[in-house]
C-alpha cells in the first residue's frame, strides 16, 4: 500500500510540474510571441482545443467539464 501511495504522490508531483510549465509557456507566449522555440505554439493549441470543445456543442462540453470536475475532486 505504501508503494501505491508513493506512486500516487509522484503522479501528483509530475502533474503539478506540468501545470507550472504550461502556465510558464502561456505567460512567455504572451510576453514574447506566439511561437516560442522550446514551448512551441502553446496558445494556438489551447485555442484549438477550446474551439473543438465549442464545436462539439454545449452538451458535449458539459459532459467533459463534469468528468474533469469529478476526476479532480475525487468523486465517483
PDB file of N, CA and C in Angstrom:
ATOM      1  N   UNK A   1       0.818  -1.186   0.000  1.00  0.00           N
ATOM      2  CA  UNK A   1       0.000   0.000   0.000  1.00  0.00           C
ATOM      3  C   UNK A   1       0.864   1.253   0.000  1.00  0.00           C
ATOM      4  N   UNK A   2       2.024   1.141   0.648  1.00  0.00           N
ATOM      5  CA  UNK A   2       2.933   2.290   0.682  1.00  0.00           C
ATOM      6  C   UNK A   2       3.454   2.620  -0.718  1.00  0.00           C
ATOM      7  N   UNK A   3       3.704   1.584  -1.513  1.00  0.00           N
ATOM      8  CA  UNK A   3       4.189   1.812  -2.877  1.00  0.00           C
ATOM      9  C   UNK A   3       3.136   2.528  -3.712  1.00  0.00           C
ATOM     10  N   UNK A   4       1.876   2.172  -3.517  1.00  0.00           N
ATOM     11  CA  UNK A   4       0.797   2.819  -4.252  1.00  0.00           C
ATOM     12  C   UNK A   4       0.693   4.294  -3.882  1.00  0.00           C
ATOM     13  N   UNK A   5       0.825   4.602  -2.612  1.00  0.00           N
ATOM     14  CA  UNK A   5       0.792   6.000  -2.166  1.00  0.00           C
ATOM     15  C   UNK A   5       1.988   6.775  -2.722  1.00  0.00           C
ATOM     16  N   UNK A   6       3.141   6.127  -2.790  1.00  0.00           N
ATOM     17  CA  UNK A   6       4.339   6.780  -3.335  1.00  0.00           C
ATOM     18  C   UNK A   6       4.157   7.078  -4.817  1.00  0.00           C
ATOM     19  N   UNK A   7       3.615   6.125  -5.565  1.00  0.00           N
ATOM     20  CA  UNK A   7       3.370   6.333  -6.997  1.00  0.00           C
ATOM     21  C   UNK A   7       2.334   7.436  -7.191  1.00  0.00           C
ATOM     22  N   UNK A   8       1.290   7.437  -6.364  1.00  0.00           N
ATOM     23  CA  UNK A   8       0.264   8.470  -6.430  1.00  0.00           C
ATOM     24  C   UNK A   8       0.884   9.849  -6.160  1.00  0.00           C
ATOM     25  N   UNK A   9       1.801   9.924  -5.221  1.00  0.00           N
ATOM     26  CA  UNK A   9       2.494  11.179  -4.933  1.00  0.00           C
ATOM     27  C   UNK A   9       3.343  11.632  -6.107  1.00  0.00           C
ATOM     28  N   UNK A  10       4.043  10.702  -6.753  1.00  0.00           N
ATOM     29  CA  UNK A  10       4.856  11.043  -7.922  1.00  0.00           C
ATOM     30  C   UNK A  10       3.984  11.579  -9.045  1.00  0.00           C
ATOM     31  N   UNK A  11       2.862  10.925  -9.286  1.00  0.00           N
ATOM     32  CA  UNK A  11       1.962  11.361 -10.357  1.00  0.00           C
ATOM     33  C   UNK A  11       1.427  12.753 -10.051  1.00  0.00           C
ATOM     34  N   UNK A  12       1.067  12.992  -8.799  1.00  0.00           N
ATOM     35  CA  UNK A  12       0.600  14.319  -8.407  1.00  0.00           C
ATOM     36  C   UNK A  12       1.669  15.377  -8.593  1.00  0.00           C
ATOM     37  N   UNK A  13       2.903  15.047  -8.229  1.00  0.00           N
ATOM     38  CA  UNK A  13       4.006  15.994  -8.385  1.00  0.00           C
ATOM     39  C   UNK A  13       4.298  16.274  -9.859  1.00  0.00           C
ATOM     40  N   UNK A  14       4.285  15.241 -10.672  1.00  0.00           N
ATOM     41  CA  UNK A  14       4.513  15.429 -12.105  1.00  0.00           C
ATOM     42  C   UNK A  14       3.397  16.257 -12.742  1.00  0.00           C
ATOM     43  N   UNK A  15       2.168  16.057 -12.281  1.00  0.00           N
ATOM     44  CA  UNK A  15       1.053  16.847 -12.783  1.00  0.00           C
ATOM     45  C   UNK A  15       1.221  18.314 -12.418  1.00  0.00           C
ATOM     46  N   UNK A  16       1.649  18.575 -11.176  1.00  0.00           N
ATOM     47  CA  UNK A  16       1.879  19.958 -10.753  1.00  0.00           C
ATOM     48  C   UNK A  16       2.978  20.609 -11.579  1.00  0.00           C
ATOM     49  N   UNK A  17       4.049  19.883 -11.831  1.00  0.00           N
ATOM     50  CA  UNK A  17       5.146  20.418 -12.644  1.00  0.00           C
ATOM     51  C   UNK A  17       4.660  20.709 -14.059  1.00  0.00           C
ATOM     52  N   UNK A  18       3.846  19.801 -14.617  1.00  0.00           N
ATOM     53  CA  UNK A  18       3.302  20.014 -15.954  1.00  0.00           C
ATOM     54  C   UNK A  18       2.428  21.258 -16.024  1.00  0.00           C
ATOM     55  N   UNK A  19       1.594  21.459 -15.013  1.00  0.00           N
ATOM     56  CA  UNK A  19       0.745  22.652 -14.993  1.00  0.00           C
ATOM     57  C   UNK A  19       1.567  23.923 -14.846  1.00  0.00           C
ATOM     58  N   UNK A  20       2.640  23.860 -14.047  1.00  0.00           N
ATOM     59  CA  UNK A  20       3.523  25.025 -13.909  1.00  0.00           C
ATOM     60  C   UNK A  20       4.212  25.349 -15.232  1.00  0.00           C
ATOM     61  N   UNK A  21       4.665  24.324 -15.935  1.00  0.00           N
ATOM     62  CA  UNK A  21       5.298  24.548 -17.235  1.00  0.00           C
ATOM     63  C   UNK A  21       4.300  25.100 -18.246  1.00  0.00           C
ATOM     64  N   UNK A  22       3.061  24.618 -18.193  1.00  0.00           N
ATOM     65  CA  UNK A  22       2.025  25.142 -19.081  1.00  0.00           C
ATOM     66  C   UNK A  22       1.769  26.615 -18.794  1.00  0.00           C
ATOM     67  N   UNK A  23       1.666  26.975 -17.525  1.00  0.00           N
ATOM     68  CA  UNK A  23       1.454  28.381 -17.160  1.00  0.00           C
ATOM     69  C   UNK A  23       2.642  29.238 -17.594  1.00  0.00           C
ATOM     70  N   UNK A  24       3.850  28.730 -17.423  1.00  0.00           N
ATOM     71  CA  UNK A  24       5.045  29.453 -17.860  1.00  0.00           C
ATOM     72  C   UNK A  24       5.039  29.657 -19.370  1.00  0.00           C
ATOM     73  N   UNK A  25       4.652  28.618 -20.106  1.00  0.00           N
ATOM     74  CA  UNK A  25       4.611  28.720 -21.563  1.00  0.00           C
ATOM     75  C   UNK A  25       3.576  29.740 -22.020  1.00  0.00           C
ATOM     76  N   UNK A  26       2.425  29.781 -21.352  1.00  0.00           N
ATOM     77  CA  UNK A  26       1.389  30.743 -21.729  1.00  0.00           C
ATOM     78  C   UNK A  26       1.862  32.164 -21.468  1.00  0.00           C
ATOM     79  N   UNK A  27       2.437  32.405 -20.296  1.00  0.00           N
ATOM     80  CA  UNK A  27       2.924  33.747 -19.973  1.00  0.00           C
ATOM     81  C   UNK A  27       4.045  34.152 -20.924  1.00  0.00           C
ATOM     82  N   UNK A  28       4.969  33.243 -21.189  1.00  0.00           N
ATOM     83  CA  UNK A  28       6.069  33.555 -22.104  1.00  0.00           C
ATOM     84  C   UNK A  28       5.553  33.838 -23.510  1.00  0.00           C
ATOM     85  N   UNK A  29       4.554  33.093 -23.943  1.00  0.00           N
ATOM     86  CA  UNK A  29       3.987  33.326 -25.272  1.00  0.00           C
ATOM     87  C   UNK A  29       3.296  34.678 -25.350  1.00  0.00           C
ATOM     88  N   UNK A  30       2.655  35.076 -24.265  1.00  0.00           N
ATOM     89  CA  UNK A  30       2.002  36.380 -24.252  1.00  0.00           C
ATOM     90  C   UNK A  30       3.023  37.518 -24.235  1.00  0.00           C
ATOM     91  N   UNK A  31       4.137  37.317 -23.556  1.00  0.00           N
ATOM     92  CA  UNK A  31       5.144  38.366 -23.447  1.00  0.00           C
ATOM     93  C   UNK A  31       6.056  38.443 -24.672  1.00  0.00           C
ATOM     94  N   UNK A  32       6.469  37.297 -25.182  1.00  0.00           N
ATOM     95  CA  UNK A  32       7.485  37.256 -26.246  1.00  0.00           C
ATOM     96  C   UNK A  32       6.861  37.120 -27.629  1.00  0.00           C
ATOM     97  N   UNK A  33       5.924  36.240 -27.772  1.00  0.00           N
ATOM     98  CA  UNK A  33       5.318  35.967 -29.072  1.00  0.00           C
ATOM     99  C   UNK A  33       4.722  34.574 -29.064  1.00  0.00           C
ATOM    100  N   UNK A  34       3.913  34.295 -30.043  1.00  0.00           N
ATOM    101  CA  UNK A  34       3.140  33.056 -30.043  1.00  0.00           C
ATOM    102  C   UNK A  34       3.986  31.804 -30.257  1.00  0.00           C
ATOM    103  N   UNK A  35       5.023  31.864 -31.065  1.00  0.00           N
ATOM    104  CA  UNK A  35       5.768  30.664 -31.418  1.00  0.00           C
ATOM    105  C   UNK A  35       7.139  30.680 -30.764  1.00  0.00           C
ATOM    106  N   UNK A  36       7.239  30.075 -29.588  1.00  0.00           N
ATOM    107  CA  UNK A  36       8.499  30.003 -28.861  1.00  0.00           C
ATOM    108  C   UNK A  36       9.271  28.754 -29.272  1.00  0.00           C
ATOM    109  N   UNK A  37      10.593  28.828 -29.295  1.00  0.00           N
ATOM    110  CA  UNK A  37      11.383  27.668 -29.724  1.00  0.00           C
ATOM    111  C   UNK A  37      11.194  26.431 -28.843  1.00  0.00           C
ATOM    112  N   UNK A  38      11.179  26.587 -27.524  1.00  0.00           N
ATOM    113  CA  UNK A  38      11.091  25.421 -26.641  1.00  0.00           C
ATOM    114  C   UNK A  38       9.654  24.983 -26.406  1.00  0.00           C
ATOM    115  N   UNK A  39       8.736  25.928 -26.265  1.00  0.00           N
ATOM    116  CA  UNK A  39       7.364  25.607 -25.908  1.00  0.00           C
ATOM    117  C   UNK A  39       6.457  25.400 -27.112  1.00  0.00           C
ATOM    118  N   UNK A  40       6.851  25.905 -28.261  1.00  0.00           N
ATOM    119  CA  UNK A  40       6.004  25.758 -29.434  1.00  0.00           C
ATOM    120  C   UNK A  40       4.846  26.732 -29.410  1.00  0.00           C
ATOM    121  N   UNK A  41       3.794  26.413 -30.121  1.00  0.00           N
ATOM    122  CA  UNK A  41       2.635  27.285 -30.230  1.00  0.00           C
ATOM    123  C   UNK A  41       1.582  26.873 -29.198  1.00  0.00           C
ATOM    124  N   UNK A  42       1.872  27.124 -27.921  1.00  0.00           N
ATOM    125  CA  UNK A  42       1.005  26.687 -26.835  1.00  0.00           C
ATOM    126  C   UNK A  42      -0.347  27.380 -26.904  1.00  0.00           C
ATOM    127  N   UNK A  43      -0.343  28.685 -27.099  1.00  0.00           N
ATOM    128  CA  UNK A  43      -1.613  29.414 -27.111  1.00  0.00           C
ATOM    129  C   UNK A  43      -2.485  28.969 -28.291  1.00  0.00           C
ATOM    130  N   UNK A  44      -1.878  28.708 -29.423  1.00  0.00           N
ATOM    131  CA  UNK A  44      -2.640  28.221 -30.581  1.00  0.00           C
ATOM    132  C   UNK A  44      -3.249  26.858 -30.326  1.00  0.00           C
ATOM    133  N   UNK A  45      -2.489  25.989 -29.659  1.00  0.00           N
ATOM    134  CA  UNK A  45      -3.006  24.652 -29.346  1.00  0.00           C
ATOM    135  C   UNK A  45      -4.157  24.716 -28.349  1.00  0.00           C
ATOM    136  N   UNK A  46      -4.050  25.593 -27.348  1.00  0.00           N
ATOM    137  CA  UNK A  46      -5.126  25.727 -26.367  1.00  0.00           C
ATOM    138  C   UNK A  46      -6.378  26.301 -27.030  1.00  0.00           C
ATOM    139  N   UNK A  47      -6.190  27.293 -27.903  1.00  0.00           N
ATOM    140  CA  UNK A  47      -7.346  27.870 -28.598  1.00  0.00           C
ATOM    141  C   UNK A  47      -8.005  26.832 -29.501  1.00  0.00           C
ATOM    142  N   UNK A  48      -7.219  25.975 -30.143  1.00  0.00           N
ATOM    143  CA  UNK A  48      -7.789  24.915 -30.984  1.00  0.00           C
ATOM    144  C   UNK A  48      -8.566  23.909 -30.139  1.00  0.00           C
ATOM    145  N   UNK A  49      -8.054  23.589 -28.957  1.00  0.00           N
ATOM    146  CA  UNK A  49      -8.753  22.671 -28.061  1.00  0.00           C
ATOM    147  C   UNK A  49     -10.080  23.257 -27.605  1.00  0.00           C
ATOM    148  N   UNK A  50     -10.080  24.524 -27.205  1.00  0.00           N
ATOM    149  CA  UNK A  50     -11.311  25.174 -26.764  1.00  0.00           C
ATOM    150  C   UNK A  50     -12.306  25.286 -27.918  1.00  0.00           C
ATOM    151  N   UNK A  51     -11.810  25.596 -29.118  1.00  0.00           N
ATOM    152  CA  UNK A  51     -12.695  25.683 -30.286  1.00  0.00           C
ATOM    153  C   UNK A  51     -13.310  24.318 -30.594  1.00  0.00           C
ATOM    154  N   UNK A  52     -12.499  23.270 -30.480  1.00  0.00           N
ATOM    155  CA  UNK A  52     -13.019  21.925 -30.722  1.00  0.00           C
ATOM    156  C   UNK A  52     -14.094  21.538 -29.722  1.00  0.00           C
ATOM    157  N   UNK A  53     -13.907  21.920 -28.467  1.00  0.00           N
ATOM    158  CA  UNK A  53     -14.939  21.644 -27.467  1.00  0.00           C
ATOM    159  C   UNK A  53     -16.199  22.448 -27.756  1.00  0.00           C
ATOM    160  N   UNK A  54     -16.004  23.690 -28.194  1.00  0.00           N
ATOM    161  CA  UNK A  54     -17.162  24.523 -28.516  1.00  0.00           C
ATOM    162  C   UNK A  54     -17.905  24.020 -29.735  1.00  0.00           C
ATOM    163  N   UNK A  55     -17.192  23.520 -30.729  1.00  0.00           N
ATOM    164  CA  UNK A  55     -17.828  22.998 -31.938  1.00  0.00           C
ATOM    165  C   UNK A  55     -18.600  21.713 -31.674  1.00  0.00           C
ATOM    166  N   UNK A  56     -18.214  20.996 -30.620  1.00  0.00           N
ATOM    167  CA  UNK A  56     -18.890  19.740 -30.305  1.00  0.00           C
ATOM    168  C   UNK A  56     -20.273  19.975 -29.714  1.00  0.00           C
ATOM    169  N   UNK A  57     -20.557  21.189 -29.311  1.00  0.00           N
ATOM    170  CA  UNK A  57     -21.879  21.515 -28.761  1.00  0.00           C
ATOM    171  C   UNK A  57     -21.836  21.630 -27.254  1.00  0.00           C
ATOM    172  N   UNK A  58     -22.826  22.300 -26.704  1.00  0.00           N
ATOM    173  CA  UNK A  58     -22.829  22.535 -25.263  1.00  0.00           C
ATOM    174  C   UNK A  58     -22.993  21.259 -24.445  1.00  0.00           C
ATOM    175  N   UNK A  59     -23.729  20.283 -24.958  1.00  0.00           N
ATOM    176  CA  UNK A  59     -23.928  19.050 -24.208  1.00  0.00           C
ATOM    177  C   UNK A  59     -22.611  18.303 -24.042  1.00  0.00           C
ATOM    178  N   UNK A  60     -21.838  18.232 -25.105  1.00  0.00           N
ATOM    179  CA  UNK A  60     -20.545  17.547 -25.057  1.00  0.00           C
ATOM    180  C   UNK A  60     -19.584  18.281 -24.125  1.00  0.00           C
ATOM    181  N   UNK A  61     -19.551  19.608 -24.202  1.00  0.00           N
ATOM    182  CA  UNK A  61     -18.670  20.393 -23.344  1.00  0.00           C
ATOM    183  C   UNK A  61     -19.077  20.238 -21.879  1.00  0.00           C
ATOM    184  N   UNK A  62     -20.365  20.170 -21.605  1.00  0.00           N
ATOM    185  CA  UNK A  62     -20.856  19.997 -20.245  1.00  0.00           C
ATOM    186  C   UNK A  62     -20.404  18.648 -19.685  1.00  0.00           C
ATOM    187  N   UNK A  63     -20.517  17.582 -20.479  1.00  0.00           N
ATOM    188  CA  UNK A  63     -20.091  16.266 -20.007  1.00  0.00           C
ATOM    189  C   UNK A  63     -18.597  16.228 -19.756  1.00  0.00           C
ATOM    190  N   UNK A  64     -17.801  16.851 -20.633  1.00  0.00           N
ATOM    191  CA  UNK A  64     -16.355  16.875 -20.448  1.00  0.00           C
ATOM    192  C   UNK A  64     -15.967  17.636 -19.195  1.00  0.00           C
ATOM    193  N   UNK A  65     -16.588  18.798 -18.971  1.00  0.00           N
ATOM    194  CA  UNK A  65     -16.243  19.574 -17.791  1.00  0.00           C
ATOM    195  C   UNK A  65     -16.679  18.857 -16.518  1.00  0.00           C
ATOM    196  N   UNK A  66     -17.813  18.153 -16.553  1.00  0.00           N
ATOM    197  CA  UNK A  66     -18.254  17.383 -15.406  1.00  0.00           C
ATOM    198  C   UNK A  66     -17.288  16.237 -15.121  1.00  0.00           C
ATOM    199  N   UNK A  67     -16.804  15.589 -16.164  1.00  0.00           N
ATOM    200  CA  UNK A  67     -15.845  14.492 -15.981  1.00  0.00           C
ATOM    201  C   UNK A  67     -14.544  14.999 -15.372  1.00  0.00           C
ATOM    202  N   UNK A  68     -14.072  16.153 -15.810  1.00  0.00           N
ATOM    203  CA  UNK A  68     -12.845  16.720 -15.245  1.00  0.00           C
ATOM    204  C   UNK A  68     -13.074  17.091 -13.788  1.00  0.00           C
ATOM    205  N   UNK A  69     -14.210  17.704 -13.480  1.00  0.00           N
ATOM    206  CA  UNK A  69     -14.511  18.083 -12.099  1.00  0.00           C
ATOM    207  C   UNK A  69     -14.562  16.858 -11.202  1.00  0.00           C
ATOM    208  N   UNK A  70     -15.227  15.804 -11.666  1.00  0.00           N
ATOM    209  CA  UNK A  70     -15.335  14.590 -10.851  1.00  0.00           C
ATOM    210  C   UNK A  70     -13.977  13.955 -10.639  1.00  0.00           C
ATOM    211  N   UNK A  71     -13.119  13.999 -11.647  1.00  0.00           N
ATOM    212  CA  UNK A  71     -11.792  13.411 -11.524  1.00  0.00           C
ATOM    213  C   UNK A  71     -10.949  14.218 -10.544  1.00  0.00           C
ATOM    214  N   UNK A  72     -10.984  15.546 -10.666  1.00  0.00           N
ATOM    215  CA  UNK A  72     -10.178  16.401  -9.821  1.00  0.00           C
ATOM    216  C   UNK A  72     -10.648  16.405  -8.362  1.00  0.00           C
ATOM    217  N   UNK A  73     -11.951  16.277  -8.154  1.00  0.00           N
ATOM    218  CA  UNK A  73     -12.478  16.341  -6.788  1.00  0.00           C
ATOM    219  C   UNK A  73     -12.508  14.974  -6.109  1.00  0.00           C
ATOM    220  N   UNK A  74     -12.246  13.911  -6.869  1.00  0.00           N
ATOM    221  CA  UNK A  74     -12.220  12.576  -6.300  1.00  0.00           C
ATOM    222  C   UNK A  74     -13.594  11.938  -6.166  1.00  0.00           C
ATOM    223  N   UNK A  75     -14.618  12.503  -6.799  1.00  0.00           N
ATOM    224  CA  UNK A  75     -15.960  11.928  -6.746  1.00  0.00           C
ATOM    225  C   UNK A  75     -16.064  10.727  -7.679  1.00  0.00           C
ATOM    226  N   UNK A  76     -16.961   9.834  -7.374  1.00  0.00           N
ATOM    227  CA  UNK A  76     -17.159   8.668  -8.227  1.00  0.00           C
ATOM    228  C   UNK A  76     -18.416   8.815  -9.018  1.00  0.00           C
TER     229      UNK A  76
END
